[in-house]
C-alpha atoms as a PDB file:
ATOM      1  CA  UNK A   1     -64.190  50.592  14.867  1.00  0.00           C
ATOM      2  CA  UNK A   2     -63.492  50.611  11.121  1.00  0.00           C
ATOM      3  CA  UNK A   3     -66.018  51.750   8.545  1.00  0.00           C
ATOM      4  CA  UNK A   4     -66.252  50.600   4.959  1.00  0.00           C
ATOM      5  CA  UNK A   5     -67.046  53.136   2.270  1.00  0.00           C
ATOM      6  CA  UNK A   6     -69.622  51.732  -0.158  1.00  0.00           C
ATOM      7  CA  UNK A   7     -70.361  53.789  -3.209  1.00  0.00           C
ATOM      8  CA  UNK A   8     -73.896  53.769  -4.524  1.00  0.00           C
ATOM      9  CA  UNK A   9     -74.734  53.825  -8.198  1.00  0.00           C
ATOM     10  CA  UNK A  10     -77.949  53.444 -10.122  1.00  0.00           C
ATOM     11  CA  UNK A  11     -76.704  50.162 -11.584  1.00  0.00           C
ATOM     12  CA  UNK A  12     -76.031  48.448  -8.261  1.00  0.00           C
ATOM     13  CA  UNK A  13     -78.103  49.114  -5.199  1.00  0.00           C
ATOM     14  CA  UNK A  14     -76.910  48.797  -1.620  1.00  0.00           C
ATOM     15  CA  UNK A  15     -78.532  45.385  -1.236  1.00  0.00           C
ATOM     16  CA  UNK A  16     -76.782  44.035  -4.349  1.00  0.00           C
ATOM     17  CA  UNK A  17     -73.459  45.094  -2.828  1.00  0.00           C
ATOM     18  CA  UNK A  18     -74.324  43.252   0.391  1.00  0.00           C
ATOM     19  CA  UNK A  19     -75.160  40.087  -1.498  1.00  0.00           C
ATOM     20  CA  UNK A  20     -71.979  40.260  -3.580  1.00  0.00           C
ATOM     21  CA  UNK A  21     -69.916  40.971  -0.474  1.00  0.00           C
ATOM     22  CA  UNK A  22     -71.219  37.851   1.250  1.00  0.00           C
ATOM     23  CA  UNK A  23     -70.816  35.587  -1.774  1.00  0.00           C
ATOM     24  CA  UNK A  24     -68.200  32.872  -1.386  1.00  0.00           C
ATOM     25  CA  UNK A  25     -67.692  32.354  -5.107  1.00  0.00           C
ATOM     26  CA  UNK A  26     -68.510  34.044  -8.363  1.00  0.00           C
ATOM     27  CA  UNK A  27     -71.934  33.318  -9.838  1.00  0.00           C
ATOM     28  CA  UNK A  28     -72.209  30.615 -12.472  1.00  0.00           C
ATOM     29  CA  UNK A  29     -72.729  31.666 -16.048  1.00  0.00           C
ATOM     30  CA  UNK A  30     -76.033  30.841 -17.657  1.00  0.00           C
ATOM     31  CA  UNK A  31     -76.150  27.419 -19.253  1.00  0.00           C
ATOM     32  CA  UNK A  32     -77.461  27.111 -22.772  1.00  0.00           C
ATOM     33  CA  UNK A  33     -77.227  23.323 -22.848  1.00  0.00           C
ATOM     34  CA  UNK A  34     -80.319  21.644 -24.243  1.00  0.00           C
ATOM     35  CA  UNK A  35     -81.025  18.112 -23.086  1.00  0.00           C
ATOM     36  CA  UNK A  36     -82.781  15.930 -25.629  1.00  0.00           C
ATOM     37  CA  UNK A  37     -83.425  12.740 -23.658  1.00  0.00           C
ATOM     38  CA  UNK A  38     -84.007  11.567 -20.100  1.00  0.00           C
ATOM     39  CA  UNK A  39     -80.996  10.794 -17.910  1.00  0.00           C
ATOM     40  CA  UNK A  40     -78.487  12.782 -19.966  1.00  0.00           C
ATOM     41  CA  UNK A  41     -77.794  14.664 -16.739  1.00  0.00           C
ATOM     42  CA  UNK A  42     -79.082  14.070 -13.225  1.00  0.00           C
ATOM     43  CA  UNK A  43     -78.427  16.522 -10.411  1.00  0.00           C
ATOM     44  CA  UNK A  44     -78.000  14.875  -7.007  1.00  0.00           C
ATOM     45  CA  UNK A  45     -78.234  16.581  -3.630  1.00  0.00           C
ATOM     46  CA  UNK A  46     -77.952  15.179  -0.115  1.00  0.00           C
ATOM     47  CA  UNK A  47     -79.338  17.296   2.704  1.00  0.00           C
ATOM     48  CA  UNK A  48     -79.065  16.860   6.448  1.00  0.00           C
ATOM     49  CA  UNK A  49     -78.916  16.233   9.254  1.00  0.00           C
ATOM     50  CA  UNK A  50     -82.298  17.522  10.209  1.00  0.00           C
ATOM     51  CA  UNK A  51     -82.649  18.614  13.837  1.00  0.00           C
ATOM     52  CA  UNK A  52     -85.770  16.444  14.037  1.00  0.00           C
ATOM     53  CA  UNK A  53     -86.233  12.943  12.680  1.00  0.00           C
ATOM     54  CA  UNK A  54     -89.043  12.147  10.246  1.00  0.00           C
ATOM     55  CA  UNK A  55     -91.768   9.693  11.200  1.00  0.00           C
ATOM     56  CA  UNK A  56     -89.604   6.797   9.987  1.00  0.00           C
ATOM     57  CA  UNK A  57     -86.472   8.017  11.811  1.00  0.00           C
ATOM     58  CA  UNK A  58     -84.745   9.665   8.862  1.00  0.00           C
ATOM     59  CA  UNK A  59     -82.447  12.640   9.381  1.00  0.00           C
ATOM     60  CA  UNK A  60     -81.279  13.069   5.765  1.00  0.00           C
ATOM     61  CA  UNK A  61     -82.707  13.098   2.263  1.00  0.00           C
ATOM     62  CA  UNK A  62     -81.283  12.587  -1.190  1.00  0.00           C
ATOM     63  CA  UNK A  63     -82.896  14.109  -4.253  1.00  0.00           C
ATOM     64  CA  UNK A  64     -82.298  13.226  -7.919  1.00  0.00           C
ATOM     65  CA  UNK A  65     -83.377  15.804 -10.521  1.00  0.00           C
ATOM     66  CA  UNK A  66     -83.522  14.756 -14.169  1.00  0.00           C
ATOM     67  CA  UNK A  67     -82.343  17.767 -16.216  1.00  0.00           C
ATOM     68  CA  UNK A  68     -84.489  16.819 -19.241  1.00  0.00           C
ATOM     69  CA  UNK A  69     -87.826  15.990 -17.611  1.00  0.00           C
ATOM     70  CA  UNK A  70     -87.346  18.022 -14.404  1.00  0.00           C
ATOM     71  CA  UNK A  71     -88.738  15.004 -12.574  1.00  0.00           C
ATOM     72  CA  UNK A  72     -87.475  14.712  -8.988  1.00  0.00           C
ATOM     73  CA  UNK A  73     -86.996  11.439  -7.130  1.00  0.00           C
ATOM     74  CA  UNK A  74     -86.770  11.960  -3.400  1.00  0.00           C
ATOM     75  CA  UNK A  75     -85.539   9.418  -0.831  1.00  0.00           C
ATOM     76  CA  UNK A  76     -85.319   9.631   2.949  1.00  0.00           C
ATOM     77  CA  UNK A  77     -82.112   8.388   4.596  1.00  0.00           C
ATOM     78  CA  UNK A  78     -81.510   7.487   8.204  1.00  0.00           C
ATOM     79  CA  UNK A  79     -77.739   7.784   7.645  1.00  0.00           C
ATOM     80  CA  UNK A  80     -75.669   9.503   4.962  1.00  0.00           C
ATOM     81  CA  UNK A  81     -73.847   6.248   4.391  1.00  0.00           C
ATOM     82  CA  UNK A  82     -77.008   4.907   2.702  1.00  0.00           C
ATOM     83  CA  UNK A  83     -76.408   7.235  -0.277  1.00  0.00           C
ATOM     84  CA  UNK A  84     -74.501   4.631  -2.326  1.00  0.00           C
ATOM     85  CA  UNK A  85     -77.230   2.014  -1.915  1.00  0.00           C
ATOM     86  CA  UNK A  86     -79.962   4.523  -2.773  1.00  0.00           C
ATOM     87  CA  UNK A  87     -78.023   5.729  -5.831  1.00  0.00           C
ATOM     88  CA  UNK A  88     -77.736   2.165  -7.148  1.00  0.00           C
ATOM     89  CA  UNK A  89     -81.494   1.645  -6.640  1.00  0.00           C
ATOM     90  CA  UNK A  90     -82.339   4.957  -8.308  1.00  0.00           C
ATOM     91  CA  UNK A  91     -80.085   4.237 -11.305  1.00  0.00           C
ATOM     92  CA  UNK A  92     -81.636   0.800 -11.914  1.00  0.00           C
ATOM     93  CA  UNK A  93     -85.187   2.109 -11.476  1.00  0.00           C
ATOM     94  CA  UNK A  94     -84.722   5.199 -13.675  1.00  0.00           C
ATOM     95  CA  UNK A  95     -83.037   3.280 -16.480  1.00  0.00           C
ATOM     96  CA  UNK A  96     -85.794   0.652 -16.513  1.00  0.00           C
ATOM     97  CA  UNK A  97     -88.546   3.278 -16.460  1.00  0.00           C
ATOM     98  CA  UNK A  98     -87.093   5.460 -19.220  1.00  0.00           C
ATOM     99  CA  UNK A  99     -85.230   2.889 -21.346  1.00  0.00           C
ATOM    100  CA  UNK A 100     -82.256   5.314 -21.350  1.00  0.00           C
ATOM    101  CA  UNK A 101     -78.847   4.929 -19.720  1.00  0.00           C
ATOM    102  CA  UNK A 102     -77.707   7.430 -17.099  1.00  0.00           C
ATOM    103  CA  UNK A 103     -75.018   9.492 -18.863  1.00  0.00           C
ATOM    104  CA  UNK A 104     -73.872  12.082 -16.319  1.00  0.00           C
ATOM    105  CA  UNK A 105     -74.429  13.257 -12.785  1.00  0.00           C
ATOM    106  CA  UNK A 106     -73.725  16.536 -11.078  1.00  0.00           C
ATOM    107  CA  UNK A 107     -73.457  16.769  -7.306  1.00  0.00           C
ATOM    108  CA  UNK A 108     -72.976  19.480  -4.729  1.00  0.00           C
ATOM    109  CA  UNK A 109     -69.434  18.283  -3.916  1.00  0.00           C
ATOM    110  CA  UNK A 110     -70.761  16.003  -1.186  1.00  0.00           C
ATOM    111  CA  UNK A 111     -67.897  13.832   0.068  1.00  0.00           C
ATOM    112  CA  UNK A 112     -70.133  10.738   0.216  1.00  0.00           C
ATOM    113  CA  UNK A 113     -70.178  10.649  -3.579  1.00  0.00           C
ATOM    114  CA  UNK A 114     -66.454   9.966  -3.702  1.00  0.00           C
ATOM    115  CA  UNK A 115     -67.318   6.537  -2.280  1.00  0.00           C
ATOM    116  CA  UNK A 116     -69.412   5.936  -5.419  1.00  0.00           C
ATOM    117  CA  UNK A 117     -66.453   6.284  -7.781  1.00  0.00           C
ATOM    118  CA  UNK A 118     -66.216   2.522  -8.345  1.00  0.00           C
ATOM    119  CA  UNK A 119     -69.895   2.463  -9.389  1.00  0.00           C
ATOM    120  CA  UNK A 120     -69.562   5.488 -11.634  1.00  0.00           C
ATOM    121  CA  UNK A 121     -66.457   4.483 -13.604  1.00  0.00           C
ATOM    122  CA  UNK A 122     -68.567   3.236 -16.528  1.00  0.00           C
ATOM    123  CA  UNK A 123     -70.453   6.510 -16.866  1.00  0.00           C
ATOM    124  CA  UNK A 124     -69.456   8.948 -19.597  1.00  0.00           C
ATOM    125  CA  UNK A 125     -69.329  12.109 -17.485  1.00  0.00           C
ATOM    126  CA  UNK A 126     -69.183  12.713 -13.769  1.00  0.00           C
ATOM    127  CA  UNK A 127     -69.125  16.108 -12.086  1.00  0.00           C
ATOM    128  CA  UNK A 128     -68.618  16.006  -8.347  1.00  0.00           C
END
């Protein structure tokens, strides 16, 4: 059995070292970007599958977070493949409600968003 020597200092406690040791990537730097209008940036996350279906048979959800307003739109999905259809609906609805155009999205590197590339080509900035 091998043992790892972990030095302890007042600046970093043992638990901090454990967290850093288990991290898969470096932490992101703090963002100082200030958004001045709705839909300048929307974060999108797909989660699932859930081990148990919701009352309508959904195993996934997709959430849209507006960086300016912090308003979250939440949709239940029965299949991940519904993400493109839901995104189109969200984009139309949000743009009509706010009178602003969706400028940029940021996703969690979900592979289903690559299928949206033909929809997103007119957008100014896309981070997948």
